[in-house]
Structures are given as C-alpha cells and as structure tokens.
Amino acid sequence: MNTSELGWFKSSYSSAQGDDCVEVALTEGAVHVRDSKDVTRPHFVLGREEWSRFVRFAARD
C-alpha cells in the first residue's frame, strides 16, 4: 500500500500549530507511524499488539 493511500491522523492531544507530532494510520493488521514535520521520510510499522503496549507504557505516570 502506498503511504498516500493511508488515512493518516494526529492525536487529539496535538497542539493547534501541529508541530512536534507523530501521525498514525491504521490498517487491518498494523499501525503505521510517521513524523508529521517531514512526511516524505520513511515511516515505521508496528503490529497492533506492539502499538497497544507502547500506548500503555506512554500513558503511565
């Protein structure tokens, strides 16, 4: 799948200026992650379980 075909979105916690964010795109078996400041750079892909573990870790106090 071409990255331009993915439905990229930012977190609802992103600032209105849109700087310093990551964007994610969900597919059936994976979560694609890219730098919102330079979308031409390669993105990386995580399995859904790995993404869930990352989000749980990041949400800890």
Protein backbone atom coordinates (compact mmCIF):
# COMPACT_ATOMS: atom_id res chain seq x y z
CA MET A 1 0.00 0.00 0.00
CA ASN A 2 1.26 3.45 -0.91
CA THR A 3 1.59 5.76 2.12
CA SER A 4 -0.50 8.42 0.40
CA GLU A 5 -3.38 5.93 0.37
CA LEU A 6 -3.32 5.57 4.15
CA GLY A 7 -5.66 7.59 6.34
CA TRP A 8 -3.12 9.46 8.47
CA PHE A 9 -4.24 11.32 11.60
CA LYS A 10 -2.76 13.09 14.61
CA SER A 11 -3.66 12.70 18.24
CA SER A 12 -6.47 14.82 19.62
CA TYR A 13 -3.84 16.00 22.14
CA SER A 14 -1.77 17.65 19.37
CA SER A 15 -1.49 21.41 19.55
CA ALA A 16 -3.30 23.65 17.07
CA GLN A 17 0.04 24.56 15.50
CA GLY A 18 0.58 20.91 14.57
CA ASP A 19 4.28 20.86 15.38
CA ASP A 20 6.24 18.08 17.06
CA CYS A 21 3.65 15.40 16.38
CA VAL A 22 3.55 11.94 15.04
CA GLU A 23 0.84 10.76 12.70
CA VAL A 24 -0.60 7.27 12.64
CA ALA A 25 -2.54 5.30 10.09
CA LEU A 26 -4.40 2.13 10.94
CA THR A 27 -4.64 -0.88 8.68
CA GLU A 28 -6.16 -4.26 9.39
CA GLY A 29 -3.03 -5.77 10.92
CA ALA A 30 -0.73 -2.85 11.66
CA VAL A 31 -0.24 0.71 12.85
CA HIS A 32 1.92 2.94 10.64
CA VAL A 33 3.76 5.82 12.35
CA ARG A 34 5.48 8.84 10.77
CA ASP A 35 6.90 12.24 11.67
CA SER A 36 4.32 14.94 10.90
CA LYS A 37 7.05 17.53 10.24
CA ASP A 38 8.53 15.54 7.34
CA VAL A 39 6.06 13.10 5.83
CA THR A 40 8.47 12.30 2.98
CA ARG A 41 10.73 10.37 5.34
CA PRO A 42 10.15 6.64 5.75
CA HIS A 43 7.59 5.60 8.33
CA PHE A 44 7.69 2.53 10.53
CA VAL A 45 5.10 -0.13 11.15
CA LEU A 46 4.09 -1.84 14.37
CA GLY A 47 1.76 -4.73 14.94
CA ARG A 48 -1.40 -3.77 16.78
CA GLU A 49 -0.28 -5.54 19.98
CA GLU A 50 3.09 -3.74 19.95
CA TRP A 51 1.26 -0.42 19.44
CA SER A 52 -1.05 -1.20 22.37
CA ARG A 53 1.94 -1.95 24.62
CA PHE A 54 3.60 1.32 23.57
CA VAL A 55 0.46 3.37 24.29
CA ARG A 56 0.01 1.72 27.70
CA PHE A 57 3.65 2.46 28.53
CA ALA A 58 3.40 6.08 27.35
CA ALA A 59 0.22 6.64 29.36
CA ARG A 60 1.80 5.61 32.66
CA ASP A 61 2.52 8.35 35.19
